[in-house]
Amino acid sequence: MPSRKQYPLRIDPDIWDAVQRWANDEMRSSNGQIEWILRDALKRYKRLPQKSNSRSSEDDA
């Protein structure tokens, strides 16, 4: 598994609560939900680098 970049995040408590609720609804961790949100936004704006692994096809399911 590739290593992950660690980044301290400062976020409005109301936004954090909303992300946590959304993550719970999707049965993800809060960190996983934030990563999903960012990846989705990058795909929508065609800024996500294309990789030749199966991860991107799993995210579309």
C-alpha atoms as a PDB file:
ATOM      1  CA  MET A   1       0.000   0.000   0.000  1.00  0.00           C
ATOM      2  CA  PRO A   2       1.419   3.402  -0.925  1.00  0.00           C
ATOM      3  CA  SER A   3       2.235   5.778   1.906  1.00  0.00           C
ATOM      4  CA  ARG A   4      -0.150   8.608   2.671  1.00  0.00           C
ATOM      5  CA  LYS A   5       0.734  12.256   3.079  1.00  0.00           C
ATOM      6  CA  GLN A   6      -0.113  13.500   6.559  1.00  0.00           C
ATOM      7  CA  TYR A   7      -1.492  17.016   6.813  1.00  0.00           C
ATOM      8  CA  PRO A   8      -2.879  18.831   9.862  1.00  0.00           C
ATOM      9  CA  LEU A   9      -6.301  20.186   9.003  1.00  0.00           C
ATOM     10  CA  ARG A  10      -7.910  23.195  10.613  1.00  0.00           C
ATOM     11  CA  ILE A  11     -11.623  23.134   9.944  1.00  0.00           C
ATOM     12  CA  ASP A  12     -14.770  24.842  11.171  1.00  0.00           C
ATOM     13  CA  PRO A  13     -16.442  22.626  13.797  1.00  0.00           C
ATOM     14  CA  ASP A  14     -19.802  22.742  11.993  1.00  0.00           C
ATOM     15  CA  ILE A  15     -18.199  21.536   8.765  1.00  0.00           C
ATOM     16  CA  TRP A  16     -16.359  18.793  10.669  1.00  0.00           C
ATOM     17  CA  ASP A  17     -19.624  17.633  12.251  1.00  0.00           C
ATOM     18  CA  ALA A  18     -21.286  17.512   8.837  1.00  0.00           C
ATOM     19  CA  VAL A  19     -18.387  15.501   7.383  1.00  0.00           C
ATOM     20  CA  GLN A  20     -18.541  13.063  10.304  1.00  0.00           C
ATOM     21  CA  ARG A  21     -22.295  12.547   9.865  1.00  0.00           C
ATOM     22  CA  TRP A  22     -21.833  12.014   6.122  1.00  0.00           C
ATOM     23  CA  ALA A  23     -18.987   9.570   6.777  1.00  0.00           C
ATOM     24  CA  ASN A  24     -21.167   7.628   9.213  1.00  0.00           C
ATOM     25  CA  ASP A  25     -23.956   7.461   6.610  1.00  0.00           C
ATOM     26  CA  GLU A  26     -21.468   6.099   4.041  1.00  0.00           C
ATOM     27  CA  MET A  27     -19.810   3.776   6.595  1.00  0.00           C
ATOM     28  CA  ARG A  28     -16.426   5.470   6.143  1.00  0.00           C
ATOM     29  CA  SER A  29     -13.995   7.082   8.529  1.00  0.00           C
ATOM     30  CA  SER A  30     -13.948  10.875   8.610  1.00  0.00           C
ATOM     31  CA  ASN A  31     -10.494  10.801   7.026  1.00  0.00           C
ATOM     32  CA  GLY A  32     -11.750   8.473   4.296  1.00  0.00           C
ATOM     33  CA  GLN A  33     -14.734  10.738   3.672  1.00  0.00           C
ATOM     34  CA  ILE A  34     -12.540  13.829   3.308  1.00  0.00           C
ATOM     35  CA  GLU A  35     -10.300  11.955   0.885  1.00  0.00           C
ATOM     36  CA  TRP A  36     -13.375  10.814  -1.095  1.00  0.00           C
ATOM     37  CA  ILE A  37     -14.742  14.387  -1.226  1.00  0.00           C
ATOM     38  CA  LEU A  38     -11.410  15.740  -2.449  1.00  0.00           C
ATOM     39  CA  ARG A  39     -10.989  12.974  -5.043  1.00  0.00           C
ATOM     40  CA  ASP A  40     -14.540  13.535  -6.322  1.00  0.00           C
ATOM     41  CA  ALA A  41     -13.954  17.283  -6.661  1.00  0.00           C
ATOM     42  CA  LEU A  42     -10.657  16.698  -8.469  1.00  0.00           C
ATOM     43  CA  LYS A  43     -12.359  14.294 -10.899  1.00  0.00           C
ATOM     44  CA  ARG A  44     -15.193  16.745 -11.558  1.00  0.00           C
ATOM     45  CA  TYR A  45     -12.741  19.516 -12.425  1.00  0.00           C
ATOM     46  CA  LYS A  46     -10.488  17.143 -14.399  1.00  0.00           C
ATOM     47  CA  ARG A  47      -7.523  17.778 -12.129  1.00  0.00           C
ATOM     48  CA  LEU A  48      -7.020  14.239 -10.848  1.00  0.00           C
ATOM     49  CA  PRO A  49      -3.904  12.614 -12.321  1.00  0.00           C
ATOM     50  CA  GLN A  50      -4.710   9.407 -14.183  1.00  0.00           C
ATOM     51  CA  LYS A  51      -3.208   6.292 -12.588  1.00  0.00           C
ATOM     52  CA  SER A  52      -3.084   2.818 -14.043  1.00  0.00           C
ATOM     53  CA  ASN A  53      -4.464   1.026 -10.971  1.00  0.00           C
ATOM     54  CA  SER A  54      -7.867  -0.383 -10.112  1.00  0.00           C
ATOM     55  CA  ARG A  55      -8.523   2.206  -7.354  1.00  0.00           C
ATOM     56  CA  SER A  56     -10.237   4.707  -9.671  1.00  0.00           C
ATOM     57  CA  SER A  57     -12.640   2.085 -11.021  1.00  0.00           C
ATOM     58  CA  GLU A  58     -13.549   1.075  -7.442  1.00  0.00           C
ATOM     59  CA  ASP A  59     -14.405   4.686  -6.553  1.00  0.00           C
ATOM     60  CA  ASP A  60     -16.872   4.966  -9.421  1.00  0.00           C
ATOM     61  CA  ALA A  61     -18.895   2.007  -8.186  1.00  0.00           C
END
